């Protein structure tokens, strides 16, 4: 808990959705942030006589929620948005890998800034990036991404990705854009050793994250899992995203993706998979039995025509599920708060129809569910005393939302709500929809310039 001498911020008169185990809500309540912890949450006014109160916020007309947690992304894709817009996943990868293979440290840093800025100004307080493209001679890409997140002030997990199956081995990426098995494992271990923080209030963590079954050797999958467990960090990869992947796994390994993952040590409560669109009942049972997590990316799945993930069935089975933006070459908006709405609407097109998800389930996916998937549910994802002070204050009294009585319904079903204030670790990083930690206009210029530079370089090949 925060020490009694900690500086306090008091937020009052707002609706509160705590997303705790009982989905406790207050029509008008208060939050007390003490240092980097939540000290109190409750109905009505904050307790009187609090010491060291440095700021009081009148939250009238607002909804307070836990900060949003993004569970799958590819930051570098910010500078290749709007390309291959009418492709399925494999054709999209074939079109874009030659471009991505030319990224360098400067491009990666600018793209990370753009991706992080867009998410942070829309209520994301914990971000993650699955970065798996490491062209030879491209510089310290992992370090540049981590630096961008630290400067932005968001809580961050880097899933240090890798690929060792280039074109000459039947993979999709150019050979100079993949690593050897030995180099991938060594670089991943070095990244964990240099940057991973296992503490309760860690701002930076690292996961082991070979890219996908069709770009990674079985040996890298197996040894990557062994490395992660030896180092005590989490594991992440893509899984069951398309029917083509299902066919690939059967042809190459003689089994489907879930069975293949289990055979390589890639199911467990320390693992989360992106997408998981094409899963049968047996696959879902295996995820539930092992508590393997899922990053649901509804917009990207729709953009690439991958299909509709069985989120209601996953949740009913007890599988941890969070939301992901996915890379912005397959989700050009790059915003997570719109995924609350898209997850609800797209899942209602599936077998469960109107009973698929409701507003509060969608909010839970984007907050506590994401915290579960990243292994941080004890620290973030709900508004409870003792948890870290990652809080978003959404403005709900404008034209877009004021006539919707229930604020959670307004947040999920309505237009994207403005963020009046976003706190990460007790530090405010957004005020009235603008970043306090970075110059958005400067980032817009740098990302445009780096996108053009990348396009020029790629065109020379």
Protein backbone atom coordinates (compact mmCIF):
# COMPACT_ATOMS: atom_id res chain seq x y z
CA UNK A 1 0.00 0.00 0.00
CA UNK A 2 1.04 3.61 -0.50
CA UNK A 3 2.78 5.23 2.47
CA UNK A 4 0.77 7.76 4.49
CA UNK A 5 3.10 10.54 3.33
CA UNK A 6 2.34 9.91 -0.36
CA UNK A 7 0.89 12.76 -2.38
CA UNK A 8 -2.79 12.22 -3.04
CA UNK A 9 -5.04 12.95 -6.00
CA UNK A 10 -8.77 12.87 -5.25
CA UNK A 11 -11.35 12.29 -8.00
CA UNK A 12 -14.98 12.85 -6.97
CA UNK A 13 -18.54 13.04 -8.32
CA UNK A 14 -17.96 10.61 -11.19
CA UNK A 15 -19.59 7.35 -12.17
CA UNK A 16 -17.20 4.47 -11.51
CA UNK A 17 -16.97 1.02 -13.10
CA UNK A 18 -14.43 -0.83 -10.98
CA UNK A 19 -14.42 -4.07 -13.07
CA UNK A 20 -13.64 -5.94 -9.85
CA UNK A 21 -14.78 -9.53 -9.27
CA UNK A 22 -18.30 -8.36 -8.47
CA UNK A 23 -18.46 -5.70 -11.21
CA UNK A 24 -19.03 -3.09 -8.49
CA UNK A 25 -20.22 0.24 -9.85
CA UNK A 26 -21.06 3.62 -8.34
CA UNK A 27 -23.41 6.12 -9.93
CA UNK A 28 -21.50 8.86 -8.12
CA UNK A 29 -18.34 8.01 -6.28
CA UNK A 30 -14.73 8.82 -5.51
CA UNK A 31 -11.21 7.56 -6.09
CA UNK A 32 -8.16 8.41 -4.01
CA UNK A 33 -4.78 7.90 -5.65
CA UNK A 34 -1.85 7.91 -3.23
CA UNK A 35 1.49 7.88 -4.96
CA UNK A 36 1.31 5.14 -7.55
CA UNK A 37 -1.45 3.16 -5.80
CA UNK A 38 -5.22 3.30 -5.56
CA UNK A 39 -5.91 3.99 -1.90
CA UNK A 40 -9.70 4.18 -1.84
CA UNK A 41 -12.71 3.64 -4.11
CA UNK A 42 -16.27 4.14 -3.01
CA UNK A 43 -19.64 5.80 -3.22
CA UNK A 44 -20.19 9.47 -2.52
CA UNK A 45 -17.50 11.94 -1.51
CA UNK A 46 -13.94 11.01 -0.60
CA UNK A 47 -13.08 10.76 3.10
CA UNK A 48 -12.48 14.13 4.76
CA UNK A 49 -9.22 15.03 6.42
CA UNK A 50 -6.93 13.37 3.90
CA UNK A 51 -3.39 14.65 4.14
CA UNK A 52 -1.08 15.66 1.29
CA UNK A 53 -3.88 16.17 -1.23
CA UNK A 54 -2.16 17.94 -4.12
CA UNK A 55 -5.13 17.91 -6.48
CA UNK A 56 -8.88 17.47 -6.50
CA UNK A 57 -10.71 16.62 -9.72
CA UNK A 58 -14.44 17.20 -10.08
CA UNK A 59 -15.48 14.22 -12.18
CA UNK A 60 -19.05 15.33 -12.71
CA UNK A 61 -20.27 14.06 -16.11
CA UNK A 62 -17.50 11.46 -16.31
CA UNK A 63 -17.01 7.71 -16.02
CA UNK A 64 -13.89 6.36 -14.31
CA UNK A 65 -12.62 2.95 -15.39
CA UNK A 66 -9.39 1.01 -15.12
CA UNK A 67 -6.92 1.95 -17.83
CA UNK A 68 -7.26 -0.09 -21.00
CA UNK A 69 -4.78 -2.94 -21.51
CA UNK A 70 -3.61 -3.80 -25.02
CA UNK A 71 -2.53 -7.42 -25.43
CA UNK A 72 -1.33 -7.62 -29.05
CA UNK A 73 0.29 -5.10 -31.39
CA UNK A 74 3.06 -4.57 -33.93
CA UNK A 75 4.21 -0.99 -33.50
CA UNK A 76 6.51 -0.90 -36.54
CA UNK A 77 3.50 -1.24 -38.84
CA UNK A 78 2.47 2.35 -38.05
CA UNK A 79 4.61 3.46 -41.01
CA UNK A 80 3.05 0.96 -43.46
CA UNK A 81 -0.62 1.75 -42.90
CA UNK A 82 -3.06 1.76 -45.80
CA UNK A 83 -1.24 -0.83 -47.91
CA UNK A 84 -2.57 -4.16 -49.26
CA UNK A 85 -6.04 -3.21 -48.08
CA UNK A 86 -7.88 -5.94 -50.02
CA UNK A 87 -5.73 -8.95 -49.10
CA UNK A 88 -6.14 -11.97 -46.86
CA UNK A 89 -3.44 -12.66 -44.27
CA UNK A 90 -0.99 -14.69 -46.37
CA UNK A 91 -1.26 -12.41 -49.44
CA UNK A 92 -0.94 -9.39 -47.15
CA UNK A 93 2.23 -10.82 -45.61
CA UNK A 94 3.72 -11.61 -49.03
CA UNK A 95 3.03 -8.01 -50.11
CA UNK A 96 4.42 -6.37 -46.97
CA UNK A 97 7.34 -8.50 -45.78
CA UNK A 98 9.70 -7.05 -48.42
CA UNK A 99 8.86 -3.57 -47.11
CA UNK A 100 9.10 -4.48 -43.42
CA UNK A 101 12.45 -6.14 -44.07
CA UNK A 102 13.91 -2.65 -44.65
CA UNK A 103 13.03 -1.11 -41.28
CA UNK A 104 15.77 0.33 -39.11
CA UNK A 105 16.10 1.72 -35.60
CA UNK A 106 15.02 5.26 -36.51
CA UNK A 107 11.91 4.01 -38.26
CA UNK A 108 11.05 1.64 -35.43
CA UNK A 109 11.35 4.38 -32.81
CA UNK A 110 9.11 6.77 -34.78
CA UNK A 111 6.55 4.03 -35.45
CA UNK A 112 6.51 3.09 -31.77
CA UNK A 113 5.88 6.72 -30.87
CA UNK A 114 2.96 6.89 -33.29
CA UNK A 115 1.42 3.62 -32.10
CA UNK A 116 1.83 4.48 -28.42
CA UNK A 117 0.54 8.03 -28.80
CA UNK A 118 -2.64 6.91 -30.55
CA UNK A 119 -3.38 4.32 -27.89
CA UNK A 120 -2.46 6.47 -24.89
CA UNK A 121 -4.66 9.39 -25.93
CA UNK A 122 -7.51 6.89 -26.21
CA UNK A 123 -7.30 5.45 -22.71
CA UNK A 124 -4.61 2.75 -22.96
CA UNK A 125 -2.41 2.70 -19.86
CA UNK A 126 -0.71 -0.67 -20.49
CA UNK A 127 0.58 -1.42 -23.97
CA UNK A 128 2.45 -4.31 -25.53
CA UNK A 129 4.37 -4.78 -28.74
CA UNK A 130 5.14 -8.06 -30.49
CA UNK A 131 8.21 -7.13 -32.51
CA UNK A 132 9.57 -9.99 -34.58
CA UNK A 133 11.24 -8.34 -37.62
CA UNK A 134 14.96 -7.91 -36.98
CA UNK A 135 16.74 -7.28 -40.31
CA UNK A 136 20.50 -7.62 -40.25
CA UNK A 137 22.24 -4.36 -39.40
CA UNK A 138 19.03 -2.57 -38.41
CA UNK A 139 20.25 -1.43 -34.98
CA UNK A 140 18.80 -1.80 -31.49
CA UNK A 141 15.14 -2.19 -32.37
CA UNK A 142 14.03 -3.55 -28.99
CA UNK A 143 15.80 -0.73 -27.16
CA UNK A 144 14.20 1.91 -29.39
CA UNK A 145 10.71 0.56 -28.73
CA UNK A 146 11.24 0.38 -24.98
CA UNK A 147 12.64 3.93 -24.98
CA UNK A 148 9.55 5.23 -26.80
CA UNK A 149 7.24 3.57 -24.26
CA UNK A 150 9.21 4.93 -21.30
CA UNK A 151 9.10 8.45 -22.73
CA UNK A 152 5.35 8.18 -23.36
CA UNK A 153 4.83 7.10 -19.74
CA UNK A 154 2.78 3.96 -20.40
CA UNK A 155 3.17 0.60 -18.72
CA UNK A 156 4.68 -1.72 -21.31
CA UNK A 157 5.38 -5.33 -22.24
CA UNK A 158 7.79 -5.99 -25.10
CA UNK A 159 7.16 -9.41 -26.63
CA UNK A 160 10.63 -9.92 -28.12
CA UNK A 161 9.73 -11.74 -31.30
CA UNK A 162 11.84 -13.71 -33.72
CA UNK A 163 11.73 -15.57 -37.02
CA UNK A 164 14.20 -18.18 -38.26
CA UNK A 165 12.25 -19.57 -41.24
CA UNK A 166 13.01 -17.41 -44.29
CA UNK A 167 12.10 -18.02 -47.91
CA UNK A 168 14.86 -20.56 -48.49
CA UNK A 169 13.30 -22.69 -45.73
CA UNK A 170 9.73 -22.34 -46.99
CA UNK A 171 8.80 -19.25 -44.94
CA UNK A 172 7.40 -15.93 -46.14
CA UNK A 173 9.97 -13.33 -44.94
CA UNK A 174 13.10 -12.48 -46.97
CA UNK A 175 16.10 -14.41 -45.70
CA UNK A 176 17.97 -11.29 -44.56
CA UNK A 177 15.04 -10.34 -42.32
CA UNK A 178 15.18 -13.49 -40.19
CA UNK A 179 17.64 -14.58 -37.51
CA UNK A 180 19.41 -17.84 -36.92
CA UNK A 181 18.10 -19.99 -34.11
CA UNK A 182 21.15 -19.21 -31.99
CA UNK A 183 21.01 -15.45 -32.62
CA UNK A 184 17.28 -15.28 -31.86
CA UNK A 185 17.63 -17.08 -28.54
CA UNK A 186 20.73 -15.12 -27.53
CA UNK A 187 19.21 -11.73 -28.40
CA UNK A 188 15.97 -12.60 -26.63
CA UNK A 189 17.78 -13.63 -23.46
CA UNK A 190 19.85 -10.43 -23.56
CA UNK A 191 16.69 -8.33 -23.94
CA UNK A 192 15.09 -10.01 -20.94
CA UNK A 193 18.24 -9.55 -18.88
CA UNK A 194 18.57 -5.87 -19.76
CA UNK A 195 14.96 -4.70 -19.63
CA UNK A 196 12.61 -7.07 -17.77
CA UNK A 197 11.35 -5.86 -14.37
CA UNK A 198 9.52 -8.47 -12.30
CA UNK A 199 8.47 -6.08 -9.52
CA UNK A 200 4.85 -5.33 -8.56
CA UNK A 201 4.88 -1.84 -10.06
CA UNK A 202 7.06 -2.64 -13.08
CA UNK A 203 6.77 -0.25 -16.01
CA UNK A 204 8.64 -2.53 -18.44
CA UNK A 205 8.42 -6.28 -18.87
CA UNK A 206 9.63 -8.63 -21.59
CA UNK A 207 8.11 -11.82 -23.00
CA UNK A 208 9.60 -14.49 -25.28
CA UNK A 209 7.68 -14.39 -28.56
CA UNK A 210 8.63 -16.38 -31.69
CA UNK A 211 6.37 -15.06 -34.42
CA UNK A 212 4.18 -17.91 -35.68
CA UNK A 213 4.25 -21.58 -36.71
CA UNK A 214 4.80 -20.70 -40.38
CA UNK A 215 7.77 -18.36 -39.80
CA UNK A 216 9.53 -20.19 -36.97
CA UNK A 217 11.19 -23.59 -36.73
CA UNK A 218 9.93 -26.18 -34.29
CA UNK A 219 13.30 -26.01 -32.55
CA UNK A 220 12.90 -22.27 -31.94
CA UNK A 221 9.41 -22.84 -30.56
CA UNK A 222 10.63 -25.54 -28.16
CA UNK A 223 13.81 -23.77 -27.08
CA UNK A 224 11.97 -20.45 -26.82
CA UNK A 225 9.52 -22.00 -24.36
CA UNK A 226 12.37 -23.49 -22.36
CA UNK A 227 14.17 -20.13 -22.32
CA UNK A 228 11.09 -18.25 -21.11
CA UNK A 229 10.49 -20.66 -18.26
CA UNK A 230 14.13 -20.65 -17.25
CA UNK A 231 14.05 -16.82 -17.13
CA UNK A 232 10.61 -16.66 -15.47
CA UNK A 233 8.90 -14.58 -18.18
CA UNK A 234 5.76 -15.04 -20.26
CA UNK A 235 5.39 -16.52 -23.76
CA UNK A 236 3.50 -15.05 -26.72
CA UNK A 237 2.89 -15.97 -30.37
CA UNK A 238 0.23 -15.96 -33.10
CA UNK A 239 -2.14 -18.91 -33.19
CA UNK A 240 -5.06 -20.25 -35.24
CA UNK A 241 -5.52 -16.98 -37.09
CA UNK A 242 -6.64 -18.31 -40.50
CA UNK A 243 -7.83 -21.45 -42.25
CA UNK A 244 -4.58 -21.32 -44.26
CA UNK A 245 -2.60 -21.67 -41.01
CA UNK A 246 -4.70 -24.68 -40.04
CA UNK A 247 -3.91 -26.30 -43.40
CA UNK A 248 -0.22 -25.41 -43.11
CA UNK A 249 0.09 -27.02 -39.68
CA UNK A 250 -1.62 -30.22 -40.81
CA UNK A 251 0.58 -30.46 -43.91
CA UNK A 252 3.87 -29.70 -42.14
CA UNK A 253 3.35 -31.13 -38.66
CA UNK A 254 0.54 -33.64 -39.13
CA UNK A 255 -1.66 -31.89 -36.55
CA UNK A 256 -3.63 -28.69 -35.99
CA UNK A 257 -2.18 -25.53 -34.40
CA UNK A 258 -3.34 -26.21 -30.83
CA UNK A 259 -1.95 -29.76 -30.80
CA UNK A 260 1.27 -28.45 -32.33
CA UNK A 261 1.57 -25.77 -29.65
CA UNK A 262 1.02 -28.33 -26.93
CA UNK A 263 3.68 -30.62 -28.44
CA UNK A 264 6.24 -27.78 -28.30
CA UNK A 265 5.45 -26.66 -24.74
CA UNK A 266 3.35 -23.70 -25.81
CA UNK A 267 0.22 -24.16 -23.73
CA UNK A 268 0.11 -22.95 -20.13
CA UNK A 269 -0.93 -20.17 -17.78
CA UNK A 270 2.25 -18.26 -18.73
CA UNK A 271 1.28 -18.25 -22.45
CA UNK A 272 -1.03 -16.05 -24.49
CA UNK A 273 -1.84 -16.35 -28.19
CA UNK A 274 -2.98 -13.70 -30.62
CA UNK A 275 -6.20 -14.17 -32.62
CA UNK A 276 -7.33 -17.81 -32.02
CA UNK A 277 -10.04 -17.45 -34.63
CA UNK A 278 -10.25 -21.02 -35.94
CA UNK A 279 -10.60 -23.20 -32.86
CA UNK A 280 -12.80 -26.25 -32.38
CA UNK A 281 -14.28 -27.43 -29.08
CA UNK A 282 -11.23 -29.56 -28.33
CA UNK A 283 -8.91 -26.59 -28.87
CA UNK A 284 -10.96 -24.43 -26.51
CA UNK A 285 -10.95 -27.17 -23.88
CA UNK A 286 -7.15 -27.41 -24.15
CA UNK A 287 -6.79 -23.65 -23.62
CA UNK A 288 -9.19 -23.78 -20.68
CA UNK A 289 -7.44 -26.75 -19.10
CA UNK A 290 -4.03 -25.07 -19.33
CA UNK A 291 -5.27 -21.49 -18.70
CA UNK A 292 -3.62 -20.33 -21.94
CA UNK A 293 -4.67 -16.75 -22.71
CA UNK A 294 -6.08 -15.20 -25.90
CA UNK A 295 -5.58 -11.73 -27.39
CA UNK A 296 -8.76 -11.03 -29.36
CA UNK A 297 -8.22 -8.60 -32.26
CA UNK A 298 -11.67 -8.06 -33.83
CA UNK A 299 -10.84 -5.22 -36.23
CA UNK A 300 -7.74 -6.87 -37.64
CA UNK A 301 -9.57 -10.19 -38.00
CA UNK A 302 -12.26 -8.40 -40.01
CA UNK A 303 -9.77 -6.33 -42.05
CA UNK A 304 -7.95 -9.50 -43.17
CA UNK A 305 -11.17 -11.53 -43.52
CA UNK A 306 -9.79 -14.07 -41.04
CA UNK A 307 -13.12 -14.83 -39.40
CA UNK A 308 -14.90 -14.39 -36.07
CA UNK A 309 -13.21 -15.76 -32.97
CA UNK A 310 -15.41 -17.79 -30.60
CA UNK A 311 -15.02 -15.34 -27.73
CA UNK A 312 -18.27 -16.25 -25.90
CA UNK A 313 -17.25 -19.93 -25.92
CA UNK A 314 -13.73 -19.11 -24.77
CA UNK A 315 -15.07 -17.05 -21.87
CA UNK A 316 -17.64 -19.67 -20.89
CA UNK A 317 -14.87 -22.29 -20.78
CA UNK A 318 -12.78 -20.08 -18.48
CA UNK A 319 -10.10 -19.03 -20.98
CA UNK A 320 -8.48 -15.65 -20.13
CA UNK A 321 -9.29 -13.24 -22.99
CA UNK A 322 -8.07 -9.68 -23.56
CA UNK A 323 -8.27 -7.24 -26.47
CA UNK A 324 -5.60 -6.31 -28.99
CA UNK A 325 -5.23 -3.58 -31.57
CA UNK A 326 -2.91 -5.76 -33.68
CA UNK A 327 -0.50 -4.04 -36.04
CA UNK A 328 -1.74 -0.88 -37.71
CA UNK A 329 -1.09 -2.29 -41.17
CA UNK A 330 -4.21 -4.37 -40.43
CA UNK A 331 -6.00 -1.90 -38.13
CA UNK A 332 -5.23 1.54 -39.45
CA UNK A 333 -6.91 3.41 -36.59
CA UNK A 334 -4.53 1.99 -34.00
CA UNK A 335 -6.99 2.60 -31.16
CA UNK A 336 -7.98 0.10 -28.49
CA UNK A 337 -11.08 1.85 -27.14
CA UNK A 338 -12.85 1.28 -30.45
CA UNK A 339 -12.15 -2.44 -30.03
CA UNK A 340 -14.57 -2.55 -27.07
CA UNK A 341 -17.39 -1.77 -29.48
CA UNK A 342 -16.04 -3.85 -32.34
CA UNK A 343 -15.58 -6.91 -30.13
CA UNK A 344 -19.19 -6.70 -29.00
CA UNK A 345 -20.67 -6.05 -32.45
CA UNK A 346 -18.59 -8.57 -34.42
CA UNK A 347 -19.21 -11.35 -31.92
CA UNK A 348 -22.95 -10.73 -32.24
CA UNK A 349 -22.61 -11.72 -35.89
CA UNK A 350 -21.53 -15.19 -34.72
CA UNK A 351 -23.47 -18.16 -33.46
CA UNK A 352 -24.54 -16.56 -30.18
CA UNK A 353 -26.02 -13.48 -31.86
CA UNK A 354 -27.36 -10.87 -29.41
CA UNK A 355 -26.33 -13.00 -26.41
CA UNK A 356 -22.65 -13.10 -27.45
CA UNK A 357 -21.31 -10.19 -25.38
CA UNK A 358 -22.76 -7.28 -23.43
CA UNK A 359 -21.27 -3.88 -22.63
CA UNK A 360 -19.75 -4.89 -19.31
CA UNK A 361 -18.18 -8.02 -20.74
CA UNK A 362 -16.61 -5.91 -23.47
CA UNK A 363 -15.20 -3.47 -20.92
CA UNK A 364 -13.83 -6.39 -18.89
CA UNK A 365 -12.08 -7.75 -22.00
CA UNK A 366 -10.33 -4.41 -22.45
CA UNK A 367 -9.28 -4.04 -18.81
CA UNK A 368 -9.17 -6.96 -16.38
CA UNK A 369 -9.10 -9.54 -19.17
CA UNK A 370 -6.06 -7.89 -20.66
CA UNK A 371 -4.37 -7.79 -17.27
CA UNK A 372 -4.99 -11.53 -16.88
CA UNK A 373 -3.53 -12.26 -20.29
CA UNK A 374 -0.36 -10.27 -19.50
CA UNK A 375 -0.03 -11.94 -16.10
CA UNK A 376 -0.68 -8.70 -14.21
CA UNK A 377 -4.19 -9.11 -12.82
CA UNK A 378 -2.91 -8.66 -9.27
CA UNK A 379 -1.61 -5.20 -10.11
CA UNK A 380 -3.83 -3.65 -12.79
CA UNK A 381 -7.11 -4.15 -14.67
CA UNK A 382 -9.58 -3.13 -11.96
CA UNK A 383 -10.08 -0.19 -9.60
CA UNK A 384 -9.37 -1.65 -6.15
CA UNK A 385 -7.40 -0.40 -3.13
CA UNK A 386 -3.80 -1.55 -3.30
CA UNK A 387 -3.70 -1.85 -7.06
CA UNK A 388 -1.59 0.43 -9.24
CA UNK A 389 -3.05 3.83 -10.07
CA UNK A 390 -3.82 3.26 -13.76
CA UNK A 391 -7.11 5.12 -14.18
CA UNK A 392 -9.00 6.73 -17.07
CA UNK A 393 -11.64 9.44 -16.76
CA UNK A 394 -13.97 9.42 -19.80
CA UNK A 395 -16.10 12.49 -20.58
CA UNK A 396 -19.68 11.30 -20.99
CA UNK A 397 -21.72 14.52 -20.93
CA UNK A 398 -21.13 15.72 -24.51
CA UNK A 399 -23.52 15.48 -27.45
CA UNK A 400 -22.16 12.02 -28.34
CA UNK A 401 -23.14 10.38 -25.04
CA UNK A 402 -25.23 12.62 -22.78
CA UNK A 403 -28.60 11.10 -23.68
CA UNK A 404 -27.48 7.54 -22.85
CA UNK A 405 -28.39 6.95 -19.20
CA UNK A 406 -25.98 4.10 -18.47
CA UNK A 407 -22.35 5.33 -18.78
CA UNK A 408 -20.86 1.88 -19.45
CA UNK A 409 -23.34 1.33 -22.28
CA UNK A 410 -22.47 4.79 -23.57
CA UNK A 411 -18.74 4.02 -23.47
CA UNK A 412 -19.00 0.69 -25.30
CA UNK A 413 -21.93 1.20 -27.69
CA UNK A 414 -21.42 4.89 -28.36
CA UNK A 415 -18.92 6.92 -30.32
CA UNK A 416 -15.33 6.97 -29.00
CA UNK A 417 -15.49 8.94 -25.75
CA UNK A 418 -13.06 11.77 -25.05
CA UNK A 419 -10.43 11.12 -22.37
CA UNK A 420 -10.33 13.98 -19.88
CA UNK A 421 -7.59 12.42 -17.78
CA UNK A 422 -5.48 9.27 -17.92
CA UNK A 423 -3.18 8.25 -15.08
CA UNK A 424 -0.44 5.63 -15.28
CA UNK A 425 1.32 4.67 -12.06
CA UNK A 426 -0.28 7.75 -10.50
CA UNK A 427 1.16 10.11 -13.13
CA UNK A 428 -1.20 11.93 -15.48
CA UNK A 429 -0.22 11.38 -19.12
CA UNK A 430 -3.36 12.70 -20.90
CA UNK A 431 -5.39 15.85 -20.25
CA UNK A 432 -8.45 16.80 -22.28
CA UNK A 433 -7.62 14.36 -25.04
CA UNK A 434 -4.02 15.50 -25.52
CA UNK A 435 -0.80 13.83 -24.47
CA UNK A 436 1.16 15.50 -21.69
CA UNK A 437 4.28 13.40 -22.27
CA UNK A 438 4.85 13.84 -26.00
CA UNK A 439 4.29 16.30 -28.86
CA UNK A 440 1.60 14.71 -31.03
CA UNK A 441 2.19 17.09 -33.92
CA UNK A 442 5.92 16.37 -33.96
CA UNK A 443 5.20 12.63 -33.90
CA UNK A 444 2.83 13.02 -36.85
CA UNK A 445 5.61 14.69 -38.85
CA UNK A 446 8.27 12.14 -37.91
CA UNK A 447 6.06 9.13 -38.67
CA UNK A 448 5.12 10.58 -42.04
CA UNK A 449 8.77 11.22 -42.86
CA UNK A 450 9.85 7.73 -41.80
CA UNK A 451 7.00 6.14 -43.76
CA UNK A 452 8.15 7.96 -46.87
CA UNK A 453 11.79 7.03 -46.26
CA UNK A 454 10.85 3.36 -45.86
CA UNK A 455 8.77 3.46 -49.06
CA UNK A 456 11.71 4.96 -50.98
CA UNK A 457 14.14 2.34 -49.71
CA UNK A 458 11.74 -0.53 -50.41
CA UNK A 459 11.08 0.77 -53.94
CA UNK A 460 14.79 0.46 -54.76
CA UNK A 461 14.74 -3.32 -54.37
